[in-house]
């Protein structure tokens, strides 16, 4: 079983998508009142993946417009990509979150 990092500054319920390299989750970064999509590469030059800070694995906050493209792309090809979805409800909640936010932009 792969261990995903759980930094205190970006708590989340579950990694909802993982294709063997890229992991996605929905969480609240630092003191944000709103949840955002976090992403990280679990493979890379370092065994801890990317990004990392001071030797600790971290998550990158994905800008909402980019998160929308990523999640909508997964949703459009859900038949082929369903195997990468670890928590379907969490994925759908994340998709709804970015859809609502992108409408407001």
PDB file of N, CA and C in Angstrom:
ATOM      1  N   UNK A   1       0.846  -1.191   0.000  1.00  0.00           N
ATOM      2  CA  UNK A   1       0.000   0.000   0.000  1.00  0.00           C
ATOM      3  C   UNK A   1       0.885   1.245   0.000  1.00  0.00           C
ATOM      4  N   UNK A   2       0.590   2.160  -0.873  1.00  0.00           N
ATOM      5  CA  UNK A   2       1.349   3.391  -1.003  1.00  0.00           C
ATOM      6  C   UNK A   2       0.910   4.398   0.051  1.00  0.00           C
ATOM      7  N   UNK A   3       1.873   5.031   0.693  1.00  0.00           N
ATOM      8  CA  UNK A   3       1.559   6.065   1.680  1.00  0.00           C
ATOM      9  C   UNK A   3       1.567   7.431   1.013  1.00  0.00           C
ATOM     10  N   UNK A   4       0.453   8.128   1.101  1.00  0.00           N
ATOM     11  CA  UNK A   4       0.373   9.486   0.589  1.00  0.00           C
ATOM     12  C   UNK A   4       0.691  10.439   1.735  1.00  0.00           C
ATOM     13  N   UNK A   5       1.399  11.530   1.450  1.00  0.00           N
ATOM     14  CA  UNK A   5       1.748  12.460   2.529  1.00  0.00           C
ATOM     15  C   UNK A   5       0.511  13.132   3.114  1.00  0.00           C
ATOM     16  N   UNK A   6       0.576  13.424   4.399  1.00  0.00           N
ATOM     17  CA  UNK A   6      -0.506  14.121   5.094  1.00  0.00           C
ATOM     18  C   UNK A   6       0.069  15.294   5.880  1.00  0.00           C
ATOM     19  N   UNK A   7       0.521  16.342   5.152  1.00  0.00           N
ATOM     20  CA  UNK A   7       1.060  17.502   5.865  1.00  0.00           C
ATOM     21  C   UNK A   7      -0.039  18.208   6.659  1.00  0.00           C
ATOM     22  N   UNK A   8       0.321  18.747   7.792  1.00  0.00           N
ATOM     23  CA  UNK A   8      -0.655  19.413   8.665  1.00  0.00           C
ATOM     24  C   UNK A   8      -1.261  20.649   8.017  1.00  0.00           C
ATOM     25  N   UNK A   9      -0.538  21.273   7.071  1.00  0.00           N
ATOM     26  CA  UNK A   9      -1.047  22.501   6.464  1.00  0.00           C
ATOM     27  C   UNK A   9      -1.989  22.252   5.282  1.00  0.00           C
ATOM     28  N   UNK A  10      -2.274  20.987   4.950  1.00  0.00           N
ATOM     29  CA  UNK A  10      -3.183  20.694   3.830  1.00  0.00           C
ATOM     30  C   UNK A  10      -3.949  19.400   4.137  1.00  0.00           C
ATOM     31  N   UNK A  11      -4.827  19.431   5.159  1.00  0.00           N
ATOM     32  CA  UNK A  11      -5.579  18.223   5.514  1.00  0.00           C
ATOM     33  C   UNK A  11      -6.600  17.848   4.433  1.00  0.00           C
ATOM     34  N   UNK A  12      -6.789  16.561   4.264  1.00  0.00           N
ATOM     35  CA  UNK A  12      -7.746  16.055   3.280  1.00  0.00           C
ATOM     36  C   UNK A  12      -8.312  14.723   3.759  1.00  0.00           C
ATOM     37  N   UNK A  13      -9.463  14.369   3.177  1.00  0.00           N
ATOM     38  CA  UNK A  13     -10.136  13.124   3.559  1.00  0.00           C
ATOM     39  C   UNK A  13      -9.456  11.915   2.917  1.00  0.00           C
ATOM     40  N   UNK A  14      -9.308  11.953   1.596  1.00  0.00           N
ATOM     41  CA  UNK A  14      -8.817  10.784   0.867  1.00  0.00           C
ATOM     42  C   UNK A  14      -8.236  11.211  -0.475  1.00  0.00           C
ATOM     43  N   UNK A  15      -7.224  10.507  -0.939  1.00  0.00           N
ATOM     44  CA  UNK A  15      -6.753  10.668  -2.315  1.00  0.00           C
ATOM     45  C   UNK A  15      -7.824  10.028  -3.189  1.00  0.00           C
ATOM     46  N   UNK A  16      -8.436  10.821  -4.077  1.00  0.00           N
ATOM     47  CA  UNK A  16      -9.546  10.271  -4.852  1.00  0.00           C
ATOM     48  C   UNK A  16      -9.111   9.712  -6.197  1.00  0.00           C
ATOM     49  N   UNK A  17      -7.922  10.086  -6.666  1.00  0.00           N
ATOM     50  CA  UNK A  17      -7.449   9.571  -7.946  1.00  0.00           C
ATOM     51  C   UNK A  17      -5.946   9.335  -7.880  1.00  0.00           C
ATOM     52  N   UNK A  18      -5.523   8.182  -8.391  1.00  0.00           N
ATOM     53  CA  UNK A  18      -4.099   7.871  -8.461  1.00  0.00           C
ATOM     54  C   UNK A  18      -3.880   6.907  -9.614  1.00  0.00           C
ATOM     55  N   UNK A  19      -3.061   7.323 -10.583  1.00  0.00           N
ATOM     56  CA  UNK A  19      -2.818   6.498 -11.767  1.00  0.00           C
ATOM     57  C   UNK A  19      -1.486   5.755 -11.721  1.00  0.00           C
ATOM     58  N   UNK A  20      -0.867   5.723 -10.570  1.00  0.00           N
ATOM     59  CA  UNK A  20       0.434   5.092 -10.432  1.00  0.00           C
ATOM     60  C   UNK A  20       1.566   6.100 -10.407  1.00  0.00           C
ATOM     61  N   UNK A  21       1.280   7.323 -10.852  1.00  0.00           N
ATOM     62  CA  UNK A  21       2.265   8.400 -10.843  1.00  0.00           C
ATOM     63  C   UNK A  21       1.718   9.672 -10.210  1.00  0.00           C
ATOM     64  N   UNK A  22       0.534  10.092 -10.658  1.00  0.00           N
ATOM     65  CA  UNK A  22      -0.047  11.363 -10.216  1.00  0.00           C
ATOM     66  C   UNK A  22      -1.210  11.093  -9.272  1.00  0.00           C
ATOM     67  N   UNK A  23      -1.198  11.781  -8.121  1.00  0.00           N
ATOM     68  CA  UNK A  23      -2.262  11.648  -7.124  1.00  0.00           C
ATOM     69  C   UNK A  23      -3.019  12.973  -7.026  1.00  0.00           C
ATOM     70  N   UNK A  24      -4.338  12.882  -6.836  1.00  0.00           N
ATOM     71  CA  UNK A  24      -5.204  14.052  -6.677  1.00  0.00           C
ATOM     72  C   UNK A  24      -6.031  13.897  -5.413  1.00  0.00           C
ATOM     73  N   UNK A  25      -6.230  15.014  -4.719  1.00  0.00           N
ATOM     74  CA  UNK A  25      -7.079  15.022  -3.522  1.00  0.00           C
ATOM     75  C   UNK A  25      -7.770  16.368  -3.405  1.00  0.00           C
ATOM     76  N   UNK A  26      -8.749  16.447  -2.507  1.00  0.00           N
ATOM     77  CA  UNK A  26      -9.479  17.686  -2.220  1.00  0.00           C
ATOM     78  C   UNK A  26      -9.268  17.986  -0.748  1.00  0.00           C
ATOM     79  N   UNK A  27      -8.746  19.179  -0.452  1.00  0.00           N
ATOM     80  CA  UNK A  27      -8.483  19.531   0.935  1.00  0.00           C
ATOM     81  C   UNK A  27      -8.498  21.032   1.149  1.00  0.00           C
ATOM     82  N   UNK A  28      -8.187  21.439   2.362  1.00  0.00           N
ATOM     83  CA  UNK A  28      -8.155  22.865   2.726  1.00  0.00           C
ATOM     84  C   UNK A  28      -6.718  23.265   3.026  1.00  0.00           C
ATOM     85  N   UNK A  29      -6.140  24.076   2.156  1.00  0.00           N
ATOM     86  CA  UNK A  29      -4.752  24.495   2.313  1.00  0.00           C
ATOM     87  C   UNK A  29      -4.630  25.616   3.338  1.00  0.00           C
ATOM     88  N   UNK A  30      -3.747  25.421   4.291  1.00  0.00           N
ATOM     89  CA  UNK A  30      -3.462  26.381   5.362  1.00  0.00           C
ATOM     90  C   UNK A  30      -4.756  26.867   6.006  1.00  0.00           C
ATOM     91  N   UNK A  31      -4.964  28.178   6.038  1.00  0.00           N
ATOM     92  CA  UNK A  31      -6.140  28.738   6.713  1.00  0.00           C
ATOM     93  C   UNK A  31      -7.280  29.062   5.751  1.00  0.00           C
ATOM     94  N   UNK A  32      -7.261  28.481   4.558  1.00  0.00           N
ATOM     95  CA  UNK A  32      -8.285  28.767   3.559  1.00  0.00           C
ATOM     96  C   UNK A  32      -9.660  28.324   4.051  1.00  0.00           C
ATOM     97  N   UNK A  33     -10.663  29.142   3.763  1.00  0.00           N
ATOM     98  CA  UNK A  33     -12.043  28.804   4.112  1.00  0.00           C
ATOM     99  C   UNK A  33     -12.647  27.855   3.077  1.00  0.00           C
ATOM    100  N   UNK A  34     -11.967  27.719   1.939  1.00  0.00           N
ATOM    101  CA  UNK A  34     -12.484  26.911   0.841  1.00  0.00           C
ATOM    102  C   UNK A  34     -11.553  25.745   0.542  1.00  0.00           C
ATOM    103  N   UNK A  35     -12.139  24.647   0.105  1.00  0.00           N
ATOM    104  CA  UNK A  35     -11.333  23.506  -0.305  1.00  0.00           C
ATOM    105  C   UNK A  35     -10.756  23.757  -1.695  1.00  0.00           C
ATOM    106  N   UNK A  36      -9.669  23.090  -1.980  1.00  0.00           N
ATOM    107  CA  UNK A  36      -9.032  23.177  -3.287  1.00  0.00           C
ATOM    108  C   UNK A  36      -8.547  21.784  -3.676  1.00  0.00           C
ATOM    109  N   UNK A  37      -8.114  21.658  -4.909  1.00  0.00           N
ATOM    110  CA  UNK A  37      -7.590  20.393  -5.404  1.00  0.00           C
ATOM    111  C   UNK A  37      -6.074  20.402  -5.218  1.00  0.00           C
ATOM    112  N   UNK A  38      -5.577  19.322  -4.642  1.00  0.00           N
ATOM    113  CA  UNK A  38      -4.140  19.147  -4.469  1.00  0.00           C
ATOM    114  C   UNK A  38      -3.641  18.058  -5.402  1.00  0.00           C
ATOM    115  N   UNK A  39      -2.405  18.225  -5.880  1.00  0.00           N
ATOM    116  CA  UNK A  39      -1.833  17.259  -6.807  1.00  0.00           C
ATOM    117  C   UNK A  39      -0.370  17.039  -6.452  1.00  0.00           C
ATOM    118  N   UNK A  40       0.105  15.823  -6.687  1.00  0.00           N
ATOM    119  CA  UNK A  40       1.537  15.554  -6.538  1.00  0.00           C
ATOM    120  C   UNK A  40       1.920  14.365  -7.398  1.00  0.00           C
ATOM    121  N   UNK A  41       3.175  14.342  -7.773  1.00  0.00           N
ATOM    122  CA  UNK A  41       3.757  13.231  -8.506  1.00  0.00           C
ATOM    123  C   UNK A  41       4.392  12.317  -7.478  1.00  0.00           C
ATOM    124  N   UNK A  42       4.012  11.066  -7.471  1.00  0.00           N
ATOM    125  CA  UNK A  42       4.525  10.124  -6.477  1.00  0.00           C
ATOM    126  C   UNK A  42       5.825   9.470  -6.931  1.00  0.00           C
ATOM    127  N   UNK A  43       6.250   9.766  -8.147  1.00  0.00           N
ATOM    128  CA  UNK A  43       7.523   9.276  -8.671  1.00  0.00           C
ATOM    129  C   UNK A  43       8.343  10.484  -9.099  1.00  0.00           C
ATOM    130  N   UNK A  44       9.625  10.316  -9.211  1.00  0.00           N
ATOM    131  CA  UNK A  44      10.474  11.415  -9.650  1.00  0.00           C
ATOM    132  C   UNK A  44      11.924  11.157  -9.318  1.00  0.00           C
ATOM    133  N   UNK A  45      12.700  12.226  -9.356  1.00  0.00           N
ATOM    134  CA  UNK A  45      14.127  12.113  -9.066  1.00  0.00           C
ATOM    135  C   UNK A  45      14.377  11.645  -7.637  1.00  0.00           C
ATOM    136  N   UNK A  46      13.482  11.992  -6.747  1.00  0.00           N
ATOM    137  CA  UNK A  46      13.600  11.605  -5.343  1.00  0.00           C
ATOM    138  C   UNK A  46      12.573  10.516  -5.036  1.00  0.00           C
ATOM    139  N   UNK A  47      12.875   9.604  -4.133  1.00  0.00           N
ATOM    140  CA  UNK A  47      11.893   8.571  -3.771  1.00  0.00           C
ATOM    141  C   UNK A  47      10.617   9.138  -3.152  1.00  0.00           C
ATOM    142  N   UNK A  48      10.681  10.375  -2.634  1.00  0.00           N
ATOM    143  CA  UNK A  48       9.486  10.951  -2.012  1.00  0.00           C
ATOM    144  C   UNK A  48       8.564  11.626  -3.020  1.00  0.00           C
ATOM    145  N   UNK A  49       8.951  11.682  -4.294  1.00  0.00           N
ATOM    146  CA  UNK A  49       8.104  12.305  -5.300  1.00  0.00           C
ATOM    147  C   UNK A  49       8.254  13.813  -5.313  1.00  0.00           C
ATOM    148  N   UNK A  50       7.294  14.490  -5.955  1.00  0.00           N
ATOM    149  CA  UNK A  50       7.346  15.938  -6.118  1.00  0.00           C
ATOM    150  C   UNK A  50       5.948  16.517  -5.952  1.00  0.00           C
ATOM    151  N   UNK A  51       5.743  17.635  -5.329  1.00  0.00           N
ATOM    152  CA  UNK A  51       6.763  18.485  -4.718  1.00  0.00           C
ATOM    153  C   UNK A  51       7.160  18.006  -3.320  1.00  0.00           C
ATOM    154  N   UNK A  52       8.284  18.548  -2.889  1.00  0.00           N
ATOM    155  CA  UNK A  52       8.743  18.338  -1.518  1.00  0.00           C
ATOM    156  C   UNK A  52       9.411  19.625  -1.041  1.00  0.00           C
ATOM    157  N   UNK A  53       9.350  19.858   0.256  1.00  0.00           N
ATOM    158  CA  UNK A  53       9.934  21.047   0.860  1.00  0.00           C
ATOM    159  C   UNK A  53      10.726  20.629   2.086  1.00  0.00           C
ATOM    160  N   UNK A  54      11.974  21.030   2.111  1.00  0.00           N
ATOM    161  CA  UNK A  54      12.847  20.711   3.254  1.00  0.00           C
ATOM    162  C   UNK A  54      12.836  19.217   3.581  1.00  0.00           C
ATOM    163  N   UNK A  55      12.817  18.394   2.538  1.00  0.00           N
ATOM    164  CA  UNK A  55      12.854  16.952   2.743  1.00  0.00           C
ATOM    165  C   UNK A  55      11.533  16.314   3.116  1.00  0.00           C
ATOM    166  N   UNK A  56      10.443  17.073   3.031  1.00  0.00           N
ATOM    167  CA  UNK A  56       9.109  16.555   3.357  1.00  0.00           C
ATOM    168  C   UNK A  56       8.227  16.568   2.114  1.00  0.00           C
ATOM    169  N   UNK A  57       7.537  15.458   1.816  1.00  0.00           N
ATOM    170  CA  UNK A  57       6.630  15.450   0.672  1.00  0.00           C
ATOM    171  C   UNK A  57       5.447  16.385   0.919  1.00  0.00           C
ATOM    172  N   UNK A  58       5.048  17.108  -0.111  1.00  0.00           N
ATOM    173  CA  UNK A  58       3.973  18.102  -0.010  1.00  0.00           C
ATOM    174  C   UNK A  58       2.980  17.912  -1.154  1.00  0.00           C
ATOM    175  N   UNK A  59       1.902  18.660  -1.091  1.00  0.00           N
ATOM    176  CA  UNK A  59       0.908  18.729  -2.162  1.00  0.00           C
ATOM    177  C   UNK A  59       0.974  20.108  -2.794  1.00  0.00           C
ATOM    178  N   UNK A  60       0.721  20.175  -4.089  1.00  0.00           N
ATOM    179  CA  UNK A  60       0.648  21.436  -4.815  1.00  0.00           C
ATOM    180  C   UNK A  60      -0.828  21.811  -4.949  1.00  0.00           C
ATOM    181  N   UNK A  61      -1.171  23.054  -4.623  1.00  0.00           N
ATOM    182  CA  UNK A  61      -2.539  23.535  -4.834  1.00  0.00           C
ATOM    183  C   UNK A  61      -2.702  23.801  -6.330  1.00  0.00           C
ATOM    184  N   UNK A  62      -3.675  23.150  -6.939  1.00  0.00           N
ATOM    185  CA  UNK A  62      -3.917  23.309  -8.373  1.00  0.00           C
ATOM    186  C   UNK A  62      -4.852  24.501  -8.578  1.00  0.00           C
ATOM    187  N   UNK A  63      -4.468  25.487  -9.405  1.00  0.00           N
ATOM    188  CA  UNK A  63      -5.370  26.605  -9.690  1.00  0.00           C
ATOM    189  C   UNK A  63      -6.707  26.081 -10.231  1.00  0.00           C
ATOM    190  N   UNK A  64      -7.790  26.773  -9.884  1.00  0.00           N
ATOM    191  CA  UNK A  64      -9.133  26.272 -10.201  1.00  0.00           C
ATOM    192  C   UNK A  64      -9.362  26.004 -11.682  1.00  0.00           C
ATOM    193  N   UNK A  65      -8.912  26.911 -12.559  1.00  0.00           N
ATOM    194  CA  UNK A  65      -9.120  26.671 -13.991  1.00  0.00           C
ATOM    195  C   UNK A  65      -8.397  25.412 -14.453  1.00  0.00           C
ATOM    196  N   UNK A  66      -7.186  25.203 -13.965  1.00  0.00           N
ATOM    197  CA  UNK A  66      -6.431  24.006 -14.325  1.00  0.00           C
ATOM    198  C   UNK A  66      -7.069  22.760 -13.703  1.00  0.00           C
ATOM    199  N   UNK A  67      -7.513  22.860 -12.463  1.00  0.00           N
ATOM    200  CA  UNK A  67      -8.197  21.736 -11.807  1.00  0.00           C
ATOM    201  C   UNK A  67      -9.436  21.336 -12.600  1.00  0.00           C
ATOM    202  N   UNK A  68     -10.133  22.321 -13.135  1.00  0.00           N
ATOM    203  CA  UNK A  68     -11.319  22.049 -13.939  1.00  0.00           C
ATOM    204  C   UNK A  68     -10.957  21.229 -15.174  1.00  0.00           C
ATOM    205  N   UNK A  69      -9.915  21.625 -15.887  1.00  0.00           N
ATOM    206  CA  UNK A  69      -9.490  20.873 -17.072  1.00  0.00           C
ATOM    207  C   UNK A  69      -9.088  19.444 -16.710  1.00  0.00           C
ATOM    208  N   UNK A  70      -8.359  19.281 -15.618  1.00  0.00           N
ATOM    209  CA  UNK A  70      -7.906  17.948 -15.203  1.00  0.00           C
ATOM    210  C   UNK A  70      -9.096  17.051 -14.858  1.00  0.00           C
ATOM    211  N   UNK A  71      -9.992  17.540 -13.992  1.00  0.00           N
ATOM    212  CA  UNK A  71     -11.114  16.706 -13.544  1.00  0.00           C
ATOM    213  C   UNK A  71     -12.133  16.467 -14.652  1.00  0.00           C
ATOM    214  N   UNK A  72     -12.403  17.491 -15.467  1.00  0.00           N
ATOM    215  CA  UNK A  72     -13.331  17.299 -16.593  1.00  0.00           C
ATOM    216  C   UNK A  72     -12.745  16.302 -17.590  1.00  0.00           C
ATOM    217  N   UNK A  73     -11.427  16.340 -17.792  1.00  0.00           N
ATOM    218  CA  UNK A  73     -10.775  15.382 -18.688  1.00  0.00           C
ATOM    219  C   UNK A  73     -10.921  13.956 -18.189  1.00  0.00           C
ATOM    220  N   UNK A  74     -10.756  13.767 -16.886  1.00  0.00           N
ATOM    221  CA  UNK A  74     -10.950  12.433 -16.300  1.00  0.00           C
ATOM    222  C   UNK A  74     -12.403  12.005 -16.476  1.00  0.00           C
ATOM    223  N   UNK A  75     -13.342  12.926 -16.198  1.00  0.00           N
ATOM    224  CA  UNK A  75     -14.765  12.605 -16.282  1.00  0.00           C
ATOM    225  C   UNK A  75     -15.168  12.237 -17.708  1.00  0.00           C
ATOM    226  N   UNK A  76     -14.635  12.966 -18.705  1.00  0.00           N
ATOM    227  CA  UNK A  76     -14.980  12.691 -20.105  1.00  0.00           C
ATOM    228  C   UNK A  76     -14.521  11.305 -20.547  1.00  0.00           C
ATOM    229  N   UNK A  77     -13.462  10.797 -19.947  1.00  0.00           N
ATOM    230  CA  UNK A  77     -12.937   9.479 -20.314  1.00  0.00           C
ATOM    231  C   UNK A  77     -13.073   8.498 -19.142  1.00  0.00           C
ATOM    232  N   UNK A  78     -14.173   8.621 -18.413  1.00  0.00           N
ATOM    233  CA  UNK A  78     -14.357   7.863 -17.175  1.00  0.00           C
ATOM    234  C   UNK A  78     -14.330   6.346 -17.403  1.00  0.00           C
ATOM    235  N   UNK A  79     -14.789   5.883 -18.563  1.00  0.00           N
ATOM    236  CA  UNK A  79     -14.771   4.436 -18.821  1.00  0.00           C
ATOM    237  C   UNK A  79     -13.353   3.885 -18.751  1.00  0.00           C
ATOM    238  N   UNK A  80     -12.408   4.590 -19.346  1.00  0.00           N
ATOM    239  CA  UNK A  80     -11.017   4.128 -19.353  1.00  0.00           C
ATOM    240  C   UNK A  80     -10.264   4.495 -18.078  1.00  0.00           C
ATOM    241  N   UNK A  81     -10.637   5.593 -17.452  1.00  0.00           N
ATOM    242  CA  UNK A  81      -9.890   6.088 -16.298  1.00  0.00           C
ATOM    243  C   UNK A  81     -10.510   5.700 -14.958  1.00  0.00           C
ATOM    244  N   UNK A  82     -11.652   5.030 -14.967  1.00  0.00           N
ATOM    245  CA  UNK A  82     -12.348   4.645 -13.722  1.00  0.00           C
ATOM    246  C   UNK A  82     -11.450   3.826 -12.799  1.00  0.00           C
ATOM    247  N   UNK A  83     -10.557   3.047 -13.383  1.00  0.00           N
ATOM    248  CA  UNK A  83      -9.662   2.196 -12.581  1.00  0.00           C
ATOM    249  C   UNK A  83      -8.726   3.020 -11.700  1.00  0.00           C
ATOM    250  N   UNK A  84      -8.507   4.289 -12.052  1.00  0.00           N
ATOM    251  CA  UNK A  84      -7.628   5.165 -11.272  1.00  0.00           C
ATOM    252  C   UNK A  84      -8.362   5.892 -10.146  1.00  0.00           C
ATOM    253  N   UNK A  85      -9.688   5.840 -10.157  1.00  0.00           N
ATOM    254  CA  UNK A  85     -10.482   6.533  -9.142  1.00  0.00           C
ATOM    255  C   UNK A  85     -10.542   5.650  -7.898  1.00  0.00           C
ATOM    256  N   UNK A  86      -9.966   6.138  -6.820  1.00  0.00           N
ATOM    257  CA  UNK A  86      -9.918   5.382  -5.562  1.00  0.00           C
ATOM    258  C   UNK A  86     -11.161   5.620  -4.714  1.00  0.00           C
ATOM    259  N   UNK A  87     -11.776   6.788  -4.860  1.00  0.00           N
ATOM    260  CA  UNK A  87     -12.987   7.145  -4.109  1.00  0.00           C
ATOM    261  C   UNK A  87     -13.878   7.942  -5.057  1.00  0.00           C
ATOM    262  N   UNK A  88     -14.863   7.247  -5.661  1.00  0.00           N
ATOM    263  CA  UNK A  88     -15.679   7.877  -6.697  1.00  0.00           C
ATOM    264  C   UNK A  88     -16.480   9.056  -6.156  1.00  0.00           C
ATOM    265  N   UNK A  89     -17.057   8.937  -4.977  1.00  0.00           N
ATOM    266  CA  UNK A  89     -17.843  10.039  -4.415  1.00  0.00           C
ATOM    267  C   UNK A  89     -16.960  11.257  -4.162  1.00  0.00           C
ATOM    268  N   UNK A  90     -15.771  11.035  -3.657  1.00  0.00           N
ATOM    269  CA  UNK A  90     -14.845  12.148  -3.419  1.00  0.00           C
ATOM    270  C   UNK A  90     -14.444  12.804  -4.743  1.00  0.00           C
ATOM    271  N   UNK A  91     -14.269  11.996  -5.788  1.00  0.00           N
ATOM    272  CA  UNK A  91     -13.987  12.542  -7.122  1.00  0.00           C
ATOM    273  C   UNK A  91     -15.143  13.417  -7.601  1.00  0.00           C
ATOM    274  N   UNK A  92     -16.368  12.913  -7.483  1.00  0.00           N
ATOM    275  CA  UNK A  92     -17.533  13.678  -7.936  1.00  0.00           C
ATOM    276  C   UNK A  92     -17.702  14.956  -7.119  1.00  0.00           C
ATOM    277  N   UNK A  93     -17.447  14.900  -5.814  1.00  0.00           N
ATOM    278  CA  UNK A  93     -17.506  16.104  -4.977  1.00  0.00           C
ATOM    279  C   UNK A  93     -16.471  17.128  -5.435  1.00  0.00           C
ATOM    280  N   UNK A  94     -15.270  16.666  -5.767  1.00  0.00           N
ATOM    281  CA  UNK A  94     -14.218  17.563  -6.247  1.00  0.00           C
ATOM    282  C   UNK A  94     -14.603  18.177  -7.589  1.00  0.00           C
ATOM    283  N   UNK A  95     -15.177  17.376  -8.470  1.00  0.00           N
ATOM    284  CA  UNK A  95     -15.617  17.871  -9.773  1.00  0.00           C
ATOM    285  C   UNK A  95     -16.692  18.936  -9.603  1.00  0.00           C
ATOM    286  N   UNK A  96     -17.659  18.696  -8.744  1.00  0.00           N
ATOM    287  CA  UNK A  96     -18.717  19.680  -8.478  1.00  0.00           C
ATOM    288  C   UNK A  96     -18.128  20.959  -7.890  1.00  0.00           C
ATOM    289  N   UNK A  97     -17.167  20.821  -6.995  1.00  0.00           N
ATOM    290  CA  UNK A  97     -16.508  21.981  -6.397  1.00  0.00           C
ATOM    291  C   UNK A  97     -15.866  22.856  -7.466  1.00  0.00           C
ATOM    292  N   UNK A  98     -15.089  22.266  -8.362  1.00  0.00           N
ATOM    293  CA  UNK A  98     -14.421  23.087  -9.377  1.00  0.00           C
ATOM    294  C   UNK A  98     -15.415  23.623 -10.398  1.00  0.00           C
ATOM    295  N   UNK A  99     -16.464  22.870 -10.708  1.00  0.00           N
ATOM    296  CA  UNK A  99     -17.482  23.382 -11.636  1.00  0.00           C
ATOM    297  C   UNK A  99     -18.143  24.637 -11.066  1.00  0.00           C
ATOM    298  N   UNK A 100     -18.490  24.613  -9.795  1.00  0.00           N
ATOM    299  CA  UNK A 100     -19.113  25.779  -9.157  1.00  0.00           C
ATOM    300  C   UNK A 100     -18.162  26.972  -9.127  1.00  0.00           C
ATOM    301  N   UNK A 101     -16.912  26.736  -8.818  1.00  0.00           N
ATOM    302  CA  UNK A 101     -15.934  27.822  -8.720  1.00  0.00           C
ATOM    303  C   UNK A 101     -15.632  28.439 -10.081  1.00  0.00           C
ATOM    304  N   UNK A 102     -15.530  27.608 -11.113  1.00  0.00           N
ATOM    305  CA  UNK A 102     -15.216  28.114 -12.448  1.00  0.00           C
ATOM    306  C   UNK A 102     -16.375  28.948 -12.982  1.00  0.00           C
ATOM    307  N   UNK A 103     -17.619  28.604 -12.621  1.00  0.00           N
ATOM    308  CA  UNK A 103     -18.788  29.402 -13.026  1.00  0.00           C
ATOM    309  C   UNK A 103     -18.670  30.834 -12.530  1.00  0.00           C
ATOM    310  N   UNK A 104     -18.073  31.007 -11.350  1.00  0.00           N
ATOM    311  CA  UNK A 104     -17.986  32.326 -10.720  1.00  0.00           C
ATOM    312  C   UNK A 104     -16.858  33.180 -11.281  1.00  0.00           C
ATOM    313  N   UNK A 105     -15.951  32.555 -12.021  1.00  0.00           N
ATOM    314  CA  UNK A 105     -14.805  33.313 -12.561  1.00  0.00           C
ATOM    315  C   UNK A 105     -15.209  34.086 -13.787  1.00  0.00           C
TER     316      UNK A 105
END
